[in-house]
Amino acid sequence: MNRTIDRRKVVVGTAWSVPVIAVAMATPARAVSPDAVVITPGTGPVITDWKGDHHYGSEISNPTERDYDFPITVTDAAGNPVVGASVTVTTSGTNRDGDVLAAYVYPAPLNGGPENEPHPTATAVTGADGKVLFAISTQNLSLGERPSYGTITTTVTYNGTTTVSVVNVTLTDSD
């Protein structure tokens, strides 16, 4: 019995094997991307235009007498919003009166400020747009306490992966 291989079957077999390999190679890269998140603002930015004595609460109409808005956006590596990520903002920095910054999930309450009512941490979960809004209170600074320095650390946890961003704050003025 003479066995021959039909040339068309070889070509068809070869053509079908290439896409299968390509799909198999693309799958691992796609499986990794939902766990990788991008935090905005990311590590590196320095806030220098904030002043002390912003502890009046978030909803006061006078912008010189209210807490600073601190929006966080969480996206995946492709720029799509990440829904359901846990976002924790932690503030640090002290001077002779006490804490320099305090963090709240927006809106911040009217209070005596971080030196009287320390509140270094706030946690919220991102919504459908991948965002959460925090409010940051600053300490009332006397002339001898300026400039004062603080740090805002944002920690995002999503699908078991934690990503951290650090923003430095310099307070140079007071109300």
N, C-alpha and C. Protein backbone atom coordinates (compact mmCIF):
# COMPACT_ATOMS: atom_id res chain seq x y z
N MET A 1 0.83 -1.16 0.00
CA MET A 1 0.00 0.00 0.00
C MET A 1 0.89 1.24 0.00
N ASN A 2 0.64 2.12 -0.92
CA ASN A 2 1.45 3.32 -1.09
C ASN A 2 0.77 4.49 -0.38
N ARG A 3 1.45 5.03 0.63
CA ARG A 3 0.88 6.17 1.36
C ARG A 3 1.54 7.44 0.88
N THR A 4 0.72 8.36 0.49
CA THR A 4 1.23 9.67 0.07
C THR A 4 0.52 10.74 0.90
N ILE A 5 1.19 11.81 1.09
CA ILE A 5 0.60 12.94 1.84
C ILE A 5 0.18 14.00 0.84
N ASP A 6 -1.07 14.34 0.92
CA ASP A 6 -1.61 15.37 0.03
C ASP A 6 -1.03 16.73 0.45
N ARG A 7 -0.50 17.45 -0.51
CA ARG A 7 0.13 18.74 -0.24
C ARG A 7 -0.86 19.73 0.36
N ARG A 8 -2.10 19.72 -0.05
CA ARG A 8 -3.11 20.63 0.50
C ARG A 8 -3.31 20.38 1.99
N LYS A 9 -3.28 19.15 2.42
CA LYS A 9 -3.47 18.84 3.84
C LYS A 9 -2.29 19.36 4.65
N VAL A 10 -1.10 19.32 4.13
CA VAL A 10 0.06 19.86 4.83
C VAL A 10 -0.08 21.37 4.99
N VAL A 11 -0.47 22.05 3.93
CA VAL A 11 -0.63 23.50 3.97
C VAL A 11 -1.74 23.87 4.95
N VAL A 12 -2.86 23.15 4.91
CA VAL A 12 -3.96 23.44 5.82
C VAL A 12 -3.51 23.20 7.26
N GLY A 13 -2.82 22.13 7.50
CA GLY A 13 -2.33 21.82 8.84
C GLY A 13 -1.38 22.89 9.36
N THR A 14 -0.52 23.40 8.53
CA THR A 14 0.42 24.44 8.91
C THR A 14 -0.31 25.75 9.20
N ALA A 15 -1.25 26.09 8.35
CA ALA A 15 -1.98 27.34 8.53
C ALA A 15 -2.75 27.34 9.85
N TRP A 16 -3.30 26.23 10.22
CA TRP A 16 -4.05 26.18 11.47
C TRP A 16 -3.15 26.18 12.70
N SER A 17 -1.94 25.72 12.59
CA SER A 17 -1.09 25.65 13.78
C SER A 17 -0.54 27.01 14.21
N VAL A 18 -0.37 27.95 13.29
CA VAL A 18 0.20 29.24 13.65
C VAL A 18 -0.73 30.05 14.56
N PRO A 19 -2.04 30.21 14.24
CA PRO A 19 -2.89 30.98 15.14
C PRO A 19 -3.03 30.36 16.53
N VAL A 20 -3.00 29.05 16.62
CA VAL A 20 -3.10 28.42 17.93
C VAL A 20 -1.91 28.82 18.79
N ILE A 21 -0.74 28.86 18.24
CA ILE A 21 0.45 29.28 18.98
C ILE A 21 0.32 30.76 19.37
N ALA A 22 -0.13 31.59 18.47
CA ALA A 22 -0.27 33.02 18.75
C ALA A 22 -1.26 33.26 19.88
N VAL A 23 -2.38 32.57 19.89
CA VAL A 23 -3.36 32.73 20.95
C VAL A 23 -2.79 32.27 22.28
N ALA A 24 -2.11 31.18 22.28
CA ALA A 24 -1.52 30.66 23.51
C ALA A 24 -0.50 31.63 24.08
N MET A 25 0.24 32.33 23.23
CA MET A 25 1.25 33.27 23.71
C MET A 25 0.61 34.56 24.22
N ALA A 26 -0.53 34.96 23.67
CA ALA A 26 -1.17 36.21 24.07
C ALA A 26 -1.91 36.08 25.40
N THR A 27 -2.36 34.93 25.75
CA THR A 27 -3.19 34.74 26.94
C THR A 27 -2.49 35.14 28.24
N PRO A 28 -1.25 34.75 28.52
CA PRO A 28 -0.65 35.15 29.79
C PRO A 28 -0.53 36.66 29.96
N ALA A 29 -0.19 37.39 28.92
CA ALA A 29 -0.05 38.84 29.03
C ALA A 29 -1.39 39.47 29.38
N ARG A 30 -2.46 39.00 28.81
CA ARG A 30 -3.77 39.55 29.09
C ARG A 30 -4.22 39.21 30.51
N ALA A 31 -3.86 38.06 31.00
CA ALA A 31 -4.26 37.66 32.34
C ALA A 31 -3.59 38.51 33.41
N VAL A 32 -2.43 39.10 33.14
CA VAL A 32 -1.71 39.89 34.12
C VAL A 32 -2.26 41.30 34.22
N SER A 33 -2.75 41.91 33.14
CA SER A 33 -3.10 43.32 33.12
C SER A 33 -4.17 43.76 34.11
N PRO A 34 -5.20 42.97 34.45
CA PRO A 34 -6.19 43.48 35.40
C PRO A 34 -5.61 43.74 36.80
N ASP A 35 -4.55 43.06 37.18
CA ASP A 35 -3.98 43.24 38.51
C ASP A 35 -3.04 44.43 38.59
N ALA A 36 -2.50 44.89 37.49
CA ALA A 36 -1.58 46.03 37.48
C ALA A 36 -2.40 47.31 37.51
N VAL A 37 -2.15 48.17 38.49
CA VAL A 37 -2.91 49.42 38.56
C VAL A 37 -1.98 50.62 38.49
N VAL A 38 -2.54 51.73 38.04
CA VAL A 38 -1.83 53.00 37.96
C VAL A 38 -2.59 53.96 38.87
N ILE A 39 -1.86 54.61 39.78
CA ILE A 39 -2.47 55.57 40.72
C ILE A 39 -2.15 56.98 40.24
N THR A 40 -3.17 57.83 40.20
CA THR A 40 -2.96 59.24 39.89
C THR A 40 -3.51 60.07 41.04
N PRO A 41 -2.72 60.93 41.69
CA PRO A 41 -1.35 61.24 41.36
C PRO A 41 -0.39 60.14 41.78
N GLY A 42 0.63 59.95 40.97
CA GLY A 42 1.62 58.92 41.23
C GLY A 42 2.77 59.43 42.07
N THR A 43 3.69 58.56 42.39
CA THR A 43 4.86 58.94 43.17
C THR A 43 5.67 59.98 42.40
N GLY A 44 6.11 60.99 43.11
CA GLY A 44 6.94 62.01 42.48
C GLY A 44 6.39 63.41 42.59
N PRO A 45 5.08 63.63 42.37
CA PRO A 45 4.60 65.01 42.45
C PRO A 45 4.82 65.61 43.84
N VAL A 46 5.06 66.89 43.86
CA VAL A 46 5.24 67.62 45.11
C VAL A 46 4.22 68.75 45.11
N ILE A 47 3.42 68.82 46.17
CA ILE A 47 2.43 69.90 46.30
C ILE A 47 3.08 71.02 47.09
N THR A 48 3.14 72.21 46.51
CA THR A 48 3.78 73.33 47.20
C THR A 48 2.84 74.52 47.38
N ASP A 49 1.64 74.48 46.83
CA ASP A 49 0.77 75.65 46.89
C ASP A 49 -0.30 75.56 47.97
N TRP A 50 -0.18 74.61 48.88
CA TRP A 50 -1.12 74.52 50.00
C TRP A 50 -0.62 75.38 51.14
N LYS A 51 -1.56 75.90 51.92
CA LYS A 51 -1.17 76.67 53.10
C LYS A 51 -1.80 76.05 54.34
N GLY A 52 -1.24 76.38 55.49
CA GLY A 52 -1.77 75.87 56.75
C GLY A 52 -3.11 76.48 57.08
N ASP A 53 -3.78 75.92 58.09
CA ASP A 53 -5.04 76.41 58.62
C ASP A 53 -6.23 76.08 57.73
N HIS A 54 -6.17 74.99 57.03
CA HIS A 54 -7.32 74.52 56.27
C HIS A 54 -7.94 73.34 57.01
N HIS A 55 -8.73 73.66 58.03
CA HIS A 55 -9.39 72.62 58.81
C HIS A 55 -10.84 72.98 59.08
N TYR A 56 -11.43 73.70 58.16
CA TYR A 56 -12.79 74.18 58.34
C TYR A 56 -13.86 73.22 57.84
N GLY A 57 -13.49 72.17 57.15
CA GLY A 57 -14.47 71.28 56.53
C GLY A 57 -14.49 71.46 55.03
N SER A 58 -15.01 70.48 54.33
CA SER A 58 -14.95 70.49 52.86
C SER A 58 -16.00 71.35 52.20
N GLU A 59 -17.11 71.60 52.87
CA GLU A 59 -18.25 72.19 52.16
C GLU A 59 -18.43 73.68 52.41
N ILE A 60 -17.42 74.33 52.91
CA ILE A 60 -17.50 75.78 53.12
C ILE A 60 -17.27 76.47 51.79
N SER A 61 -18.06 77.49 51.51
CA SER A 61 -18.00 78.15 50.19
C SER A 61 -16.73 78.97 49.98
N ASN A 62 -16.09 79.44 51.03
CA ASN A 62 -14.88 80.24 50.88
C ASN A 62 -13.68 79.31 50.66
N PRO A 63 -13.06 79.34 49.47
CA PRO A 63 -11.97 78.42 49.18
C PRO A 63 -10.73 78.62 50.05
N THR A 64 -10.60 79.79 50.70
CA THR A 64 -9.46 79.97 51.60
C THR A 64 -9.73 79.38 52.97
N GLU A 65 -10.94 78.90 53.22
CA GLU A 65 -11.30 78.34 54.51
C GLU A 65 -11.94 76.95 54.36
N ARG A 66 -11.31 76.10 53.58
CA ARG A 66 -11.84 74.74 53.46
C ARG A 66 -10.69 73.78 53.20
N ASP A 67 -10.98 72.50 53.41
CA ASP A 67 -9.97 71.48 53.18
C ASP A 67 -9.67 71.36 51.69
N TYR A 68 -8.50 70.82 51.40
CA TYR A 68 -8.10 70.61 50.02
C TYR A 68 -8.70 69.33 49.48
N ASP A 69 -9.21 69.39 48.27
CA ASP A 69 -9.68 68.18 47.58
C ASP A 69 -8.46 67.38 47.16
N PHE A 70 -8.52 66.07 47.33
CA PHE A 70 -7.42 65.19 46.93
C PHE A 70 -8.02 63.99 46.21
N PRO A 71 -8.30 64.14 44.89
CA PRO A 71 -8.90 63.03 44.14
C PRO A 71 -7.86 61.98 43.77
N ILE A 72 -8.23 60.72 43.87
CA ILE A 72 -7.38 59.60 43.47
C ILE A 72 -8.09 58.88 42.33
N THR A 73 -7.35 58.59 41.27
CA THR A 73 -7.87 57.81 40.15
C THR A 73 -7.04 56.54 40.03
N VAL A 74 -7.73 55.41 39.89
CA VAL A 74 -7.05 54.12 39.75
C VAL A 74 -7.47 53.53 38.41
N THR A 75 -6.47 53.24 37.57
CA THR A 75 -6.72 52.64 36.26
C THR A 75 -5.86 51.39 36.10
N ASP A 76 -6.23 50.56 35.12
CA ASP A 76 -5.36 49.43 34.80
C ASP A 76 -4.29 49.92 33.83
N ALA A 77 -3.42 49.03 33.42
CA ALA A 77 -2.29 49.41 32.57
C ALA A 77 -2.74 49.98 31.23
N ALA A 78 -3.96 49.64 30.80
CA ALA A 78 -4.48 50.14 29.53
C ALA A 78 -5.23 51.46 29.69
N GLY A 79 -5.35 51.96 30.93
CA GLY A 79 -6.03 53.23 31.15
C GLY A 79 -7.51 53.09 31.48
N ASN A 80 -8.01 51.88 31.65
CA ASN A 80 -9.41 51.66 32.00
C ASN A 80 -9.62 51.83 33.49
N PRO A 81 -10.77 52.40 33.92
CA PRO A 81 -11.02 52.56 35.35
C PRO A 81 -11.05 51.22 36.06
N VAL A 82 -10.48 51.18 37.26
CA VAL A 82 -10.52 49.98 38.10
C VAL A 82 -11.63 50.18 39.13
N VAL A 83 -12.64 49.34 39.08
CA VAL A 83 -13.78 49.42 39.98
C VAL A 83 -13.55 48.49 41.17
N GLY A 84 -13.84 48.96 42.37
CA GLY A 84 -13.76 48.12 43.56
C GLY A 84 -12.39 48.00 44.18
N ALA A 85 -11.47 48.88 43.83
CA ALA A 85 -10.14 48.87 44.47
C ALA A 85 -10.24 49.58 45.82
N SER A 86 -9.58 49.04 46.82
CA SER A 86 -9.51 49.67 48.14
C SER A 86 -8.39 50.70 48.12
N VAL A 87 -8.72 51.95 48.46
CA VAL A 87 -7.75 53.04 48.42
C VAL A 87 -7.62 53.61 49.84
N THR A 88 -6.41 53.60 50.38
CA THR A 88 -6.15 54.17 51.69
C THR A 88 -5.17 55.32 51.54
N VAL A 89 -5.54 56.48 52.08
CA VAL A 89 -4.67 57.64 52.08
C VAL A 89 -4.18 57.82 53.52
N THR A 90 -2.85 57.88 53.68
CA THR A 90 -2.24 58.07 55.00
C THR A 90 -1.38 59.32 54.96
N THR A 91 -1.59 60.21 55.92
CA THR A 91 -0.81 61.44 55.99
C THR A 91 0.22 61.31 57.10
N SER A 92 1.34 61.99 56.92
CA SER A 92 2.36 62.03 57.97
C SER A 92 3.06 63.38 57.91
N GLY A 93 3.77 63.69 58.96
CA GLY A 93 4.48 64.95 59.08
C GLY A 93 4.03 65.65 60.34
N THR A 94 4.98 66.12 61.12
CA THR A 94 4.65 66.82 62.36
C THR A 94 5.54 68.04 62.52
N ASN A 95 5.08 68.96 63.35
CA ASN A 95 5.93 70.06 63.80
C ASN A 95 5.68 70.22 65.30
N ARG A 96 6.06 71.32 65.90
CA ARG A 96 6.00 71.42 67.36
C ARG A 96 4.58 71.37 67.93
N ASP A 97 3.58 71.69 67.11
CA ASP A 97 2.19 71.65 67.58
C ASP A 97 1.52 70.30 67.38
N GLY A 98 2.06 69.46 66.55
CA GLY A 98 1.42 68.18 66.29
C GLY A 98 1.43 67.83 64.82
N ASP A 99 0.42 67.11 64.40
CA ASP A 99 0.34 66.64 63.02
C ASP A 99 0.14 67.80 62.05
N VAL A 100 0.72 67.67 60.87
CA VAL A 100 0.64 68.72 59.85
C VAL A 100 -0.55 68.50 58.92
N LEU A 101 -0.87 67.23 58.60
CA LEU A 101 -1.94 66.91 57.66
C LEU A 101 -2.91 65.90 58.29
N ALA A 102 -4.15 65.91 57.81
CA ALA A 102 -5.14 64.90 58.19
C ALA A 102 -5.89 64.49 56.93
N ALA A 103 -6.38 63.25 56.89
CA ALA A 103 -7.07 62.73 55.70
C ALA A 103 -8.49 62.29 56.04
N TYR A 104 -9.41 62.61 55.14
CA TYR A 104 -10.81 62.21 55.29
C TYR A 104 -11.34 61.77 53.93
N VAL A 105 -12.31 60.86 53.95
CA VAL A 105 -13.08 60.62 52.73
C VAL A 105 -13.96 61.85 52.60
N TYR A 106 -14.04 62.42 51.40
CA TYR A 106 -14.80 63.66 51.19
C TYR A 106 -16.25 63.45 51.59
N PRO A 107 -16.84 64.38 52.30
CA PRO A 107 -16.33 65.67 52.75
C PRO A 107 -15.66 65.56 54.11
N ALA A 108 -14.73 66.46 54.37
CA ALA A 108 -14.08 66.51 55.69
C ALA A 108 -14.99 67.26 56.66
N PRO A 109 -14.97 66.87 57.91
CA PRO A 109 -15.80 67.57 58.89
C PRO A 109 -15.16 68.88 59.33
N LEU A 110 -15.98 69.78 59.82
CA LEU A 110 -15.48 71.00 60.44
C LEU A 110 -14.88 70.59 61.78
N ASN A 111 -13.62 70.91 62.02
CA ASN A 111 -12.99 70.49 63.28
C ASN A 111 -11.82 71.41 63.62
N GLY A 112 -11.09 71.04 64.65
CA GLY A 112 -9.98 71.87 65.12
C GLY A 112 -8.69 71.67 64.37
N GLY A 113 -8.69 70.85 63.33
CA GLY A 113 -7.49 70.64 62.53
C GLY A 113 -6.66 69.48 63.04
N PRO A 114 -5.66 69.08 62.25
CA PRO A 114 -4.88 67.90 62.58
C PRO A 114 -4.09 68.00 63.88
N GLU A 115 -3.73 69.22 64.29
CA GLU A 115 -2.97 69.33 65.54
C GLU A 115 -3.87 69.05 66.75
N ASN A 116 -5.17 69.35 66.65
CA ASN A 116 -6.11 69.10 67.75
C ASN A 116 -6.84 67.78 67.62
N GLU A 117 -7.12 67.38 66.40
CA GLU A 117 -7.89 66.15 66.14
C GLU A 117 -7.19 65.35 65.05
N PRO A 118 -6.11 64.65 65.40
CA PRO A 118 -5.37 63.88 64.39
C PRO A 118 -6.27 62.87 63.69
N HIS A 119 -6.12 62.78 62.41
CA HIS A 119 -6.88 61.82 61.60
C HIS A 119 -5.99 61.44 60.42
N PRO A 120 -4.99 60.60 60.65
CA PRO A 120 -3.98 60.37 59.62
C PRO A 120 -4.39 59.45 58.47
N THR A 121 -5.52 58.71 58.61
CA THR A 121 -5.84 57.71 57.59
C THR A 121 -7.32 57.75 57.22
N ALA A 122 -7.57 57.55 55.93
CA ALA A 122 -8.93 57.41 55.43
C ALA A 122 -8.92 56.35 54.33
N THR A 123 -10.00 55.56 54.25
CA THR A 123 -10.09 54.48 53.26
C THR A 123 -11.43 54.54 52.55
N ALA A 124 -11.42 54.33 51.24
CA ALA A 124 -12.64 54.27 50.43
C ALA A 124 -12.42 53.28 49.29
N VAL A 125 -13.48 52.97 48.56
CA VAL A 125 -13.44 52.03 47.44
C VAL A 125 -13.79 52.77 46.16
N THR A 126 -13.03 52.51 45.09
CA THR A 126 -13.27 53.19 43.81
C THR A 126 -14.63 52.81 43.23
N GLY A 127 -15.25 53.78 42.57
CA GLY A 127 -16.53 53.56 41.93
C GLY A 127 -16.36 53.18 40.47
N ALA A 128 -17.44 53.31 39.71
CA ALA A 128 -17.46 52.90 38.30
C ALA A 128 -16.46 53.68 37.46
N ASP A 129 -16.12 54.91 37.89
CA ASP A 129 -15.16 55.72 37.14
C ASP A 129 -13.72 55.51 37.62
N GLY A 130 -13.50 54.61 38.57
CA GLY A 130 -12.16 54.34 39.09
C GLY A 130 -11.65 55.42 40.01
N LYS A 131 -12.54 56.28 40.52
CA LYS A 131 -12.11 57.42 41.32
C LYS A 131 -12.68 57.36 42.73
N VAL A 132 -11.99 58.04 43.63
CA VAL A 132 -12.46 58.30 44.99
C VAL A 132 -11.92 59.67 45.39
N LEU A 133 -12.72 60.42 46.13
CA LEU A 133 -12.32 61.78 46.51
C LEU A 133 -12.06 61.83 48.01
N PHE A 134 -10.87 62.32 48.35
CA PHE A 134 -10.49 62.54 49.74
C PHE A 134 -10.38 64.03 49.97
N ALA A 135 -10.38 64.43 51.23
CA ALA A 135 -10.14 65.82 51.62
C ALA A 135 -8.97 65.81 52.61
N ILE A 136 -8.06 66.74 52.43
CA ILE A 136 -6.88 66.84 53.29
C ILE A 136 -6.96 68.14 54.08
N SER A 137 -6.86 68.03 55.42
CA SER A 137 -6.81 69.22 56.28
C SER A 137 -5.34 69.53 56.57
N THR A 138 -5.06 70.81 56.74
CA THR A 138 -3.69 71.23 57.09
C THR A 138 -3.70 71.95 58.43
N GLN A 139 -2.58 71.94 59.09
CA GLN A 139 -2.44 72.57 60.40
C GLN A 139 -2.28 74.07 60.28
N ASN A 140 -2.78 74.79 61.27
CA ASN A 140 -2.53 76.22 61.36
C ASN A 140 -1.06 76.41 61.69
N LEU A 141 -0.35 77.18 60.89
CA LEU A 141 1.09 77.33 61.05
C LEU A 141 1.45 78.73 61.53
N SER A 142 2.22 78.81 62.60
CA SER A 142 2.76 80.10 63.03
C SER A 142 3.96 80.42 62.14
N LEU A 143 4.45 81.63 62.25
CA LEU A 143 5.58 82.07 61.42
C LEU A 143 6.79 81.15 61.61
N GLY A 144 7.06 80.73 62.84
CA GLY A 144 8.22 79.88 63.10
C GLY A 144 8.05 78.44 62.64
N GLU A 145 6.85 78.05 62.23
CA GLU A 145 6.59 76.68 61.77
C GLU A 145 6.57 76.56 60.25
N ARG A 146 6.85 77.65 59.56
CA ARG A 146 6.84 77.62 58.10
C ARG A 146 8.26 77.67 57.57
N PRO A 147 8.56 76.88 56.59
CA PRO A 147 7.69 75.89 55.96
C PRO A 147 7.58 74.63 56.83
N SER A 148 6.49 73.90 56.63
CA SER A 148 6.29 72.59 57.24
C SER A 148 6.14 71.58 56.12
N TYR A 149 6.50 70.34 56.42
CA TYR A 149 6.52 69.31 55.39
C TYR A 149 5.67 68.12 55.82
N GLY A 150 4.97 67.57 54.87
CA GLY A 150 4.16 66.39 55.11
C GLY A 150 4.22 65.45 53.92
N THR A 151 3.68 64.28 54.11
CA THR A 151 3.65 63.27 53.07
C THR A 151 2.26 62.66 53.00
N ILE A 152 1.76 62.44 51.80
CA ILE A 152 0.51 61.73 51.58
C ILE A 152 0.85 60.44 50.85
N THR A 153 0.61 59.32 51.51
CA THR A 153 0.88 58.01 50.92
C THR A 153 -0.44 57.38 50.54
N THR A 154 -0.56 56.99 49.28
CA THR A 154 -1.77 56.34 48.79
C THR A 154 -1.45 54.87 48.54
N THR A 155 -2.23 53.99 49.16
CA THR A 155 -2.05 52.55 49.00
C THR A 155 -3.31 51.98 48.37
N VAL A 156 -3.14 51.33 47.21
CA VAL A 156 -4.27 50.73 46.50
C VAL A 156 -4.11 49.22 46.53
N THR A 157 -5.18 48.54 46.94
CA THR A 157 -5.18 47.08 46.94
C THR A 157 -6.29 46.62 46.01
N TYR A 158 -5.90 45.77 45.06
CA TYR A 158 -6.86 45.27 44.07
C TYR A 158 -6.45 43.86 43.66
N ASN A 159 -7.36 42.93 43.76
CA ASN A 159 -7.10 41.53 43.39
C ASN A 159 -5.84 40.98 44.05
N GLY A 160 -5.64 41.34 45.31
CA GLY A 160 -4.50 40.81 46.06
C GLY A 160 -3.17 41.49 45.78
N THR A 161 -3.17 42.51 44.92
CA THR A 161 -1.94 43.24 44.60
C THR A 161 -2.01 44.63 45.23
N THR A 162 -0.91 45.06 45.84
CA THR A 162 -0.85 46.38 46.48
C THR A 162 0.12 47.27 45.72
N THR A 163 -0.33 48.50 45.45
CA THR A 163 0.49 49.50 44.77
C THR A 163 0.50 50.76 45.64
N VAL A 164 1.66 51.41 45.75
CA VAL A 164 1.81 52.57 46.63
C VAL A 164 2.30 53.78 45.84
N SER A 165 1.77 54.95 46.19
CA SER A 165 2.21 56.21 45.61
C SER A 165 2.47 57.19 46.76
N VAL A 166 3.51 58.02 46.63
CA VAL A 166 3.85 58.98 47.68
C VAL A 166 3.95 60.39 47.08
N VAL A 167 3.23 61.33 47.71
CA VAL A 167 3.26 62.73 47.30
C VAL A 167 3.76 63.55 48.48
N ASN A 168 4.73 64.42 48.26
CA ASN A 168 5.27 65.28 49.31
C ASN A 168 4.56 66.63 49.29
N VAL A 169 4.29 67.18 50.47
CA VAL A 169 3.58 68.44 50.59
C VAL A 169 4.46 69.42 51.37
N THR A 170 4.57 70.64 50.83
CA THR A 170 5.28 71.73 51.52
C THR A 170 4.28 72.83 51.81
N LEU A 171 4.12 73.16 53.07
CA LEU A 171 3.21 74.23 53.49
C LEU A 171 4.05 75.47 53.79
N THR A 172 3.80 76.54 53.07
CA THR A 172 4.65 77.73 53.20
C THR A 172 3.91 78.94 53.73
N ASP A 173 2.59 78.86 53.89
CA ASP A 173 1.81 80.05 54.24
C ASP A 173 0.75 79.64 55.24
N SER A 174 0.10 80.60 55.86
CA SER A 174 -1.00 80.34 56.79
C SER A 174 -2.08 81.40 56.56
N ASP A 175 -3.31 81.05 56.94
CA ASP A 175 -4.40 82.01 56.81
C ASP A 175 -4.24 83.13 57.81
